[in-house]
Structures are given as structure tokens and as C-alpha cells.
PDB file of N, CA and C in Angstrom:
ATOM      1  N   UNK A   1       0.944  -1.040   0.038  1.00  0.00           N
ATOM      2  CA  UNK A   1       0.213   0.133   0.272  1.00  0.00           C
ATOM      3  C   UNK A   1       0.830   1.520  -0.237  1.00  0.00           C
ATOM      4  N   UNK A   2       2.012   1.403   0.621  1.00  0.00           N
ATOM      5  CA  UNK A   2       2.668   2.308   0.726  1.00  0.00           C
ATOM      6  C   UNK A   2       3.517   2.485  -0.388  1.00  0.00           C
ATOM      7  N   UNK A   3       3.865   1.651  -1.080  1.00  0.00           N
ATOM      8  CA  UNK A   3       4.355   1.721  -2.572  1.00  0.00           C
ATOM      9  C   UNK A   3       3.668   2.399  -3.548  1.00  0.00           C
ATOM     10  N   UNK A   4       2.147   2.144  -3.613  1.00  0.00           N
ATOM     11  CA  UNK A   4       1.056   2.831  -4.419  1.00  0.00           C
ATOM     12  C   UNK A   4       0.963   4.409  -4.260  1.00  0.00           C
ATOM     13  N   UNK A   5       1.213   4.710  -2.508  1.00  0.00           N
ATOM     14  CA  UNK A   5       1.064   6.085  -2.321  1.00  0.00           C
ATOM     15  C   UNK A   5       2.222   6.934  -2.694  1.00  0.00           C
ATOM     16  N   UNK A   6       3.480   6.279  -2.752  1.00  0.00           N
ATOM     17  CA  UNK A   6       4.602   6.983  -3.081  1.00  0.00           C
ATOM     18  C   UNK A   6       4.635   7.379  -4.622  1.00  0.00           C
ATOM     19  N   UNK A   7       4.068   6.252  -5.536  1.00  0.00           N
ATOM     20  CA  UNK A   7       3.993   6.360  -6.637  1.00  0.00           C
ATOM     21  C   UNK A   7       2.968   7.280  -7.198  1.00  0.00           C
ATOM     22  N   UNK A   8       1.820   7.475  -6.619  1.00  0.00           N
ATOM     23  CA  UNK A   8       1.113   8.388  -6.860  1.00  0.00           C
ATOM     24  C   UNK A   8       1.691  10.062  -6.162  1.00  0.00           C
ATOM     25  N   UNK A   9       2.420   9.867  -5.480  1.00  0.00           N
ATOM     26  CA  UNK A   9       2.883  11.162  -4.902  1.00  0.00           C
ATOM     27  C   UNK A   9       4.009  11.743  -6.012  1.00  0.00           C
ATOM     28  N   UNK A  10       4.801  10.521  -6.654  1.00  0.00           N
ATOM     29  CA  UNK A  10       5.505  10.967  -7.820  1.00  0.00           C
ATOM     30  C   UNK A  10       4.776  11.644  -9.202  1.00  0.00           C
ATOM     31  N   UNK A  11       3.920  10.751  -9.292  1.00  0.00           N
ATOM     32  CA  UNK A  11       2.980  11.181 -10.618  1.00  0.00           C
ATOM     33  C   UNK A  11       2.497  12.608 -10.361  1.00  0.00           C
ATOM     34  N   UNK A  12       1.846  13.122  -9.059  1.00  0.00           N
ATOM     35  CA  UNK A  12       0.897  14.018  -9.164  1.00  0.00           C
ATOM     36  C   UNK A  12       2.132  15.411  -8.461  1.00  0.00           C
ATOM     37  N   UNK A  13       3.260  14.817  -8.156  1.00  0.00           N
ATOM     38  CA  UNK A  13       4.159  15.937  -7.544  1.00  0.00           C
ATOM     39  C   UNK A  13       3.741  16.361  -6.269  1.00  0.00           C
ATOM     40  N   UNK A  14       2.807  15.807  -5.365  1.00  0.00           N
ATOM     41  CA  UNK A  14       2.268  16.232  -4.139  1.00  0.00           C
ATOM     42  C   UNK A  14       1.938  15.013  -3.407  1.00  0.00           C
ATOM     43  N   UNK A  15       2.057  15.274  -1.946  1.00  0.00           N
ATOM     44  CA  UNK A  15       1.784  14.030  -1.073  1.00  0.00           C
ATOM     45  C   UNK A  15       0.496  14.758  -0.372  1.00  0.00           C
ATOM     46  N   UNK A  16      -0.850  14.186  -0.476  1.00  0.00           N
ATOM     47  CA  UNK A  16      -1.935  14.494   0.003  1.00  0.00           C
ATOM     48  C   UNK A  16      -1.717  14.459   1.734  1.00  0.00           C
ATOM     49  N   UNK A  17      -3.009  15.265   2.225  1.00  0.00           N
ATOM     50  CA  UNK A  17      -2.745  15.161   3.724  1.00  0.00           C
ATOM     51  C   UNK A  17      -3.628  13.640   3.865  1.00  0.00           C
ATOM     52  N   UNK A  18      -4.397  13.270   3.121  1.00  0.00           N
ATOM     53  CA  UNK A  18      -4.979  11.806   3.055  1.00  0.00           C
ATOM     54  C   UNK A  18      -3.865  10.869   3.077  1.00  0.00           C
ATOM     55  N   UNK A  19      -3.228  10.884   2.069  1.00  0.00           N
ATOM     56  CA  UNK A  19      -2.195   9.943   1.925  1.00  0.00           C
ATOM     57  C   UNK A  19      -1.195   9.901   2.921  1.00  0.00           C
ATOM     58  N   UNK A  20      -0.882  10.873   3.497  1.00  0.00           N
ATOM     59  CA  UNK A  20       0.242  11.035   4.634  1.00  0.00           C
ATOM     60  C   UNK A  20      -0.286  10.701   5.865  1.00  0.00           C
ATOM     61  N   UNK A  21      -1.598  10.380   6.124  1.00  0.00           N
ATOM     62  CA  UNK A  21      -2.556   9.747   6.994  1.00  0.00           C
ATOM     63  C   UNK A  21      -2.631   8.482   7.006  1.00  0.00           C
ATOM     64  N   UNK A  22      -2.486   8.109   5.772  1.00  0.00           N
ATOM     65  CA  UNK A  22      -2.575   6.650   5.674  1.00  0.00           C
ATOM     66  C   UNK A  22      -1.058   5.875   6.100  1.00  0.00           C
ATOM     67  N   UNK A  23      -0.041   6.717   5.441  1.00  0.00           N
ATOM     68  CA  UNK A  23       1.248   6.314   5.803  1.00  0.00           C
ATOM     69  C   UNK A  23       1.436   6.210   7.167  1.00  0.00           C
ATOM     70  N   UNK A  24       0.938   7.274   8.029  1.00  0.00           N
ATOM     71  CA  UNK A  24       0.851   7.442   9.344  1.00  0.00           C
ATOM     72  C   UNK A  24       0.364   5.991   9.996  1.00  0.00           C
ATOM     73  N   UNK A  25      -0.670   5.862   9.699  1.00  0.00           N
ATOM     74  CA  UNK A  25      -1.237   4.905  10.333  1.00  0.00           C
ATOM     75  C   UNK A  25      -0.773   3.526  10.035  1.00  0.00           C
ATOM     76  N   UNK A  26      -0.240   3.172   8.634  1.00  0.00           N
ATOM     77  CA  UNK A  26       0.578   2.090   8.743  1.00  0.00           C
ATOM     78  C   UNK A  26       1.634   1.841   9.345  1.00  0.00           C
ATOM     79  N   UNK A  27       2.607   3.024   9.595  1.00  0.00           N
ATOM     80  CA  UNK A  27       3.854   3.114  10.141  1.00  0.00           C
ATOM     81  C   UNK A  27       3.763   2.610  11.729  1.00  0.00           C
ATOM     82  N   UNK A  28       2.281   3.493  12.385  1.00  0.00           N
ATOM     83  CA  UNK A  28       2.118   3.174  13.514  1.00  0.00           C
ATOM     84  C   UNK A  28       1.712   1.977  14.140  1.00  0.00           C
ATOM     85  N   UNK A  29       0.987   1.149  13.039  1.00  0.00           N
ATOM     86  CA  UNK A  29       0.644  -0.467  13.136  1.00  0.00           C
ATOM     87  C   UNK A  29       1.676  -1.363  12.677  1.00  0.00           C
ATOM     88  N   UNK A  30       2.576  -0.685  12.406  1.00  0.00           N
ATOM     89  CA  UNK A  30       3.842  -1.247  11.816  1.00  0.00           C
ATOM     90  C   UNK A  30       3.639  -2.432  10.839  1.00  0.00           C
ATOM     91  N   UNK A  31       2.956  -2.003  10.004  1.00  0.00           N
ATOM     92  CA  UNK A  31       2.510  -2.846   8.832  1.00  0.00           C
ATOM     93  C   UNK A  31       3.492  -2.303   7.449  1.00  0.00           C
ATOM     94  N   UNK A  32       4.659  -2.293   7.898  1.00  0.00           N
ATOM     95  CA  UNK A  32       5.457  -1.857   6.735  1.00  0.00           C
ATOM     96  C   UNK A  32       6.598  -2.922   6.556  1.00  0.00           C
ATOM     97  N   UNK A  33       6.782  -3.263   5.335  1.00  0.00           N
ATOM     98  CA  UNK A  33       7.834  -4.252   4.712  1.00  0.00           C
ATOM     99  C   UNK A  33       9.122  -3.605   4.308  1.00  0.00           C
ATOM    100  N   UNK A  34      10.361  -4.485   3.899  1.00  0.00           N
ATOM    101  CA  UNK A  34      11.396  -3.846   3.502  1.00  0.00           C
ATOM    102  C   UNK A  34      11.200  -2.881   2.414  1.00  0.00           C
ATOM    103  N   UNK A  35      10.273  -3.125   1.216  1.00  0.00           N
ATOM    104  CA  UNK A  35      10.118  -2.310   0.216  1.00  0.00           C
ATOM    105  C   UNK A  35       9.493  -1.210   0.428  1.00  0.00           C
ATOM    106  N   UNK A  36       8.460  -1.140   1.463  1.00  0.00           N
ATOM    107  CA  UNK A  36       8.000   0.111   2.109  1.00  0.00           C
ATOM    108  C   UNK A  36       8.852   1.212   2.548  1.00  0.00           C
ATOM    109  N   UNK A  37       9.888   0.542   3.353  1.00  0.00           N
ATOM    110  CA  UNK A  37      11.208   1.317   3.604  1.00  0.00           C
ATOM    111  C   UNK A  37      11.793   1.918   2.608  1.00  0.00           C
ATOM    112  N   UNK A  38      11.963   1.118   1.449  1.00  0.00           N
ATOM    113  CA  UNK A  38      12.836   2.030   0.342  1.00  0.00           C
ATOM    114  C   UNK A  38      11.803   3.051  -0.158  1.00  0.00           C
ATOM    115  N   UNK A  39      10.694   2.949  -0.447  1.00  0.00           N
ATOM    116  CA  UNK A  39       9.483   3.649  -0.955  1.00  0.00           C
ATOM    117  C   UNK A  39       9.432   4.856  -0.317  1.00  0.00           C
ATOM    118  N   UNK A  40       9.644   4.808   1.025  1.00  0.00           N
ATOM    119  CA  UNK A  40       9.658   6.083   2.073  1.00  0.00           C
ATOM    120  C   UNK A  40      10.829   6.925   2.079  1.00  0.00           C
ATOM    121  N   UNK A  41      11.717   6.020   2.039  1.00  0.00           N
ATOM    122  CA  UNK A  41      13.391   6.603   1.959  1.00  0.00           C
ATOM    123  C   UNK A  41      13.135   7.892   0.725  1.00  0.00           C
ATOM    124  N   UNK A  42      13.061   7.071  -0.513  1.00  0.00           N
ATOM    125  CA  UNK A  42      12.890   7.743  -2.206  1.00  0.00           C
ATOM    126  C   UNK A  42      11.871   9.023  -1.795  1.00  0.00           C
ATOM    127  N   UNK A  43      10.472   8.775  -1.204  1.00  0.00           N
ATOM    128  CA  UNK A  43      10.070   9.663  -1.123  1.00  0.00           C
ATOM    129  C   UNK A  43      10.425  11.033  -0.355  1.00  0.00           C
ATOM    130  N   UNK A  44      11.086  10.665   0.842  1.00  0.00           N
ATOM    131  CA  UNK A  44      11.426  11.806   1.477  1.00  0.00           C
ATOM    132  C   UNK A  44      12.675  12.373   1.221  1.00  0.00           C
ATOM    133  N   UNK A  45      13.245  11.694   0.216  1.00  0.00           N
ATOM    134  CA  UNK A  45      14.479  12.405  -0.324  1.00  0.00           C
ATOM    135  C   UNK A  45      13.617  13.316  -1.460  1.00  0.00           C
ATOM    136  N   UNK A  46      13.139  12.777  -2.237  1.00  0.00           N
ATOM    137  CA  UNK A  46      12.453  13.854  -3.175  1.00  0.00           C
ATOM    138  C   UNK A  46      11.457  14.915  -2.788  1.00  0.00           C
ATOM    139  N   UNK A  47      11.067  14.675  -1.089  1.00  0.00           N
ATOM    140  CA  UNK A  47      10.634  15.658  -0.925  1.00  0.00           C
ATOM    141  C   UNK A  47      11.523  17.078  -0.476  1.00  0.00           C
ATOM    142  N   UNK A  48      12.626  16.537   0.281  1.00  0.00           N
ATOM    143  CA  UNK A  48      13.807  17.469   0.644  1.00  0.00           C
ATOM    144  C   UNK A  48      14.335  17.993  -0.653  1.00  0.00           C
ATOM    145  N   UNK A  49      14.201  17.528  -1.725  1.00  0.00           N
ATOM    146  CA  UNK A  49      15.034  18.036  -3.010  1.00  0.00           C
ATOM    147  C   UNK A  49      13.884  18.808  -3.634  1.00  0.00           C
ATOM    148  N   UNK A  50      12.851  18.991  -3.148  1.00  0.00           N
ATOM    149  CA  UNK A  50      11.639  20.036  -3.613  1.00  0.00           C
ATOM    150  C   UNK A  50      10.782  19.525  -5.012  1.00  0.00           C
ATOM    151  N   UNK A  51      10.891  17.993  -5.045  1.00  0.00           N
ATOM    152  CA  UNK A  51      10.239  17.153  -6.352  1.00  0.00           C
ATOM    153  C   UNK A  51       8.789  17.014  -5.807  1.00  0.00           C
ATOM    154  N   UNK A  52       8.558  16.799  -4.519  1.00  0.00           N
ATOM    155  CA  UNK A  52       7.370  16.372  -4.194  1.00  0.00           C
ATOM    156  C   UNK A  52       6.861  17.411  -2.915  1.00  0.00           C
ATOM    157  N   UNK A  53       5.885  18.019  -3.012  1.00  0.00           N
ATOM    158  CA  UNK A  53       5.585  18.926  -1.961  1.00  0.00           C
ATOM    159  C   UNK A  53       4.476  18.324  -1.137  1.00  0.00           C
ATOM    160  N   UNK A  54       4.409  18.671   0.322  1.00  0.00           N
ATOM    161  CA  UNK A  54       3.282  18.079   1.182  1.00  0.00           C
ATOM    162  C   UNK A  54       2.341  19.387   1.012  1.00  0.00           C
ATOM    163  N   UNK A  55       0.821  18.675   1.292  1.00  0.00           N
ATOM    164  CA  UNK A  55      -0.078  19.289   1.395  1.00  0.00           C
ATOM    165  C   UNK A  55      -0.346  19.568   2.740  1.00  0.00           C
ATOM    166  N   UNK A  56       0.294  19.205   3.761  1.00  0.00           N
ATOM    167  CA  UNK A  56       0.161  19.262   5.220  1.00  0.00           C
ATOM    168  C   UNK A  56       0.888  20.336   5.601  1.00  0.00           C
ATOM    169  N   UNK A  57       0.492  20.979   6.472  1.00  0.00           N
ATOM    170  CA  UNK A  57       1.857  21.964   7.256  1.00  0.00           C
ATOM    171  C   UNK A  57       3.099  21.480   7.585  1.00  0.00           C
ATOM    172  N   UNK A  58       4.002  22.365   7.245  1.00  0.00           N
ATOM    173  CA  UNK A  58       5.563  21.878   7.428  1.00  0.00           C
ATOM    174  C   UNK A  58       5.776  21.435   9.161  1.00  0.00           C
ATOM    175  N   UNK A  59       5.044  22.054   9.992  1.00  0.00           N
ATOM    176  CA  UNK A  59       5.202  21.798  11.311  1.00  0.00           C
ATOM    177  C   UNK A  59       4.601  20.272  11.621  1.00  0.00           C
ATOM    178  N   UNK A  60       4.020  19.693  11.004  1.00  0.00           N
ATOM    179  CA  UNK A  60       3.507  18.284  11.075  1.00  0.00           C
ATOM    180  C   UNK A  60       4.778  17.372  10.571  1.00  0.00           C
ATOM    181  N   UNK A  61       5.548  16.954  11.522  1.00  0.00           N
ATOM    182  CA  UNK A  61       6.507  15.843  11.113  1.00  0.00           C
ATOM    183  C   UNK A  61       6.163  14.656  10.889  1.00  0.00           C
ATOM    184  N   UNK A  62       6.988  14.024   9.624  1.00  0.00           N
ATOM    185  CA  UNK A  62       6.573  12.754   9.135  1.00  0.00           C
ATOM    186  C   UNK A  62       7.468  11.898   9.986  1.00  0.00           C
ATOM    187  N   UNK A  63       6.511  10.562  10.021  1.00  0.00           N
ATOM    188  CA  UNK A  63       7.074   9.452  10.613  1.00  0.00           C
ATOM    189  C   UNK A  63       8.727   9.294  10.446  1.00  0.00           C
ATOM    190  N   UNK A  64       9.620   8.884  11.372  1.00  0.00           N
ATOM    191  CA  UNK A  64      11.070   8.741  11.279  1.00  0.00           C
ATOM    192  C   UNK A  64      11.310   7.195  10.868  1.00  0.00           C
ATOM    193  N   UNK A  65      11.494   7.283   9.361  1.00  0.00           N
ATOM    194  CA  UNK A  65      11.926   5.810   8.946  1.00  0.00           C
ATOM    195  C   UNK A  65      13.212   5.325   9.473  1.00  0.00           C
ATOM    196  N   UNK A  66      13.915   5.932  10.220  1.00  0.00           N
ATOM    197  CA  UNK A  66      15.070   5.283  11.100  1.00  0.00           C
ATOM    198  C   UNK A  66      14.808   4.317  11.828  1.00  0.00           C
ATOM    199  N   UNK A  67      13.481   4.618  12.601  1.00  0.00           N
ATOM    200  CA  UNK A  67      12.905   3.678  13.771  1.00  0.00           C
ATOM    201  C   UNK A  67      11.985   3.008  13.430  1.00  0.00           C
ATOM    202  N   UNK A  68      11.568   2.482  12.384  1.00  0.00           N
ATOM    203  CA  UNK A  68      10.568   1.498  11.967  1.00  0.00           C
ATOM    204  C   UNK A  68      11.402   0.312  12.124  1.00  0.00           C
ATOM    205  N   UNK A  69      10.091  -0.691  12.506  1.00  0.00           N
ATOM    206  CA  UNK A  69      10.488  -1.958  12.788  1.00  0.00           C
ATOM    207  C   UNK A  69       9.726  -2.724  11.562  1.00  0.00           C
ATOM    208  N   UNK A  70      10.492  -3.396  10.958  1.00  0.00           N
ATOM    209  CA  UNK A  70       9.662  -3.827   9.765  1.00  0.00           C
ATOM    210  C   UNK A  70       8.972  -5.420  10.157  1.00  0.00           C
ATOM    211  N   UNK A  71       8.232  -5.768   9.254  1.00  0.00           N
ATOM    212  CA  UNK A  71       7.429  -6.880   9.489  1.00  0.00           C
ATOM    213  C   UNK A  71       8.038  -8.218   8.694  1.00  0.00           C
TER     214      UNK A  71
END
């Protein structure tokens, strides 16, 4: 699921509030696989580079991918 969200963000150039919420839920429920972690790293890098923008206010932090426990 995370891979599809990331792919959509790359296609549109934007990470929606709703998509970010789904990512947060999946991360909090620890429903991430190694491929999801790779996708999130690419997404985060693209946002840092300005290739993808967030709809959510910048003050809301994204989940820390370095601390994720994978299933």
C-alpha cells in the first residue's frame, strides 16, 4: 500500500494530507515491509529536493523511517 501512495505522489508531485495519514497509520501499526521502507526513503528524499510537496503544514513531522520495525 505504501508503494502505491509513493508512486501516486511521484506522479502528481504532491503528497496529500489523506495519503500522509494512511502512511502514518501503516507505520504506527507496524505494517511496513522492507520495500515500503525503500519507497519512503525515496519519497522523503524527493520532498527534501523539492520534487514533491506536502499538502500538510510543515510543522507536522513525518514518521521517522530510521526507527521503523519491519514485519
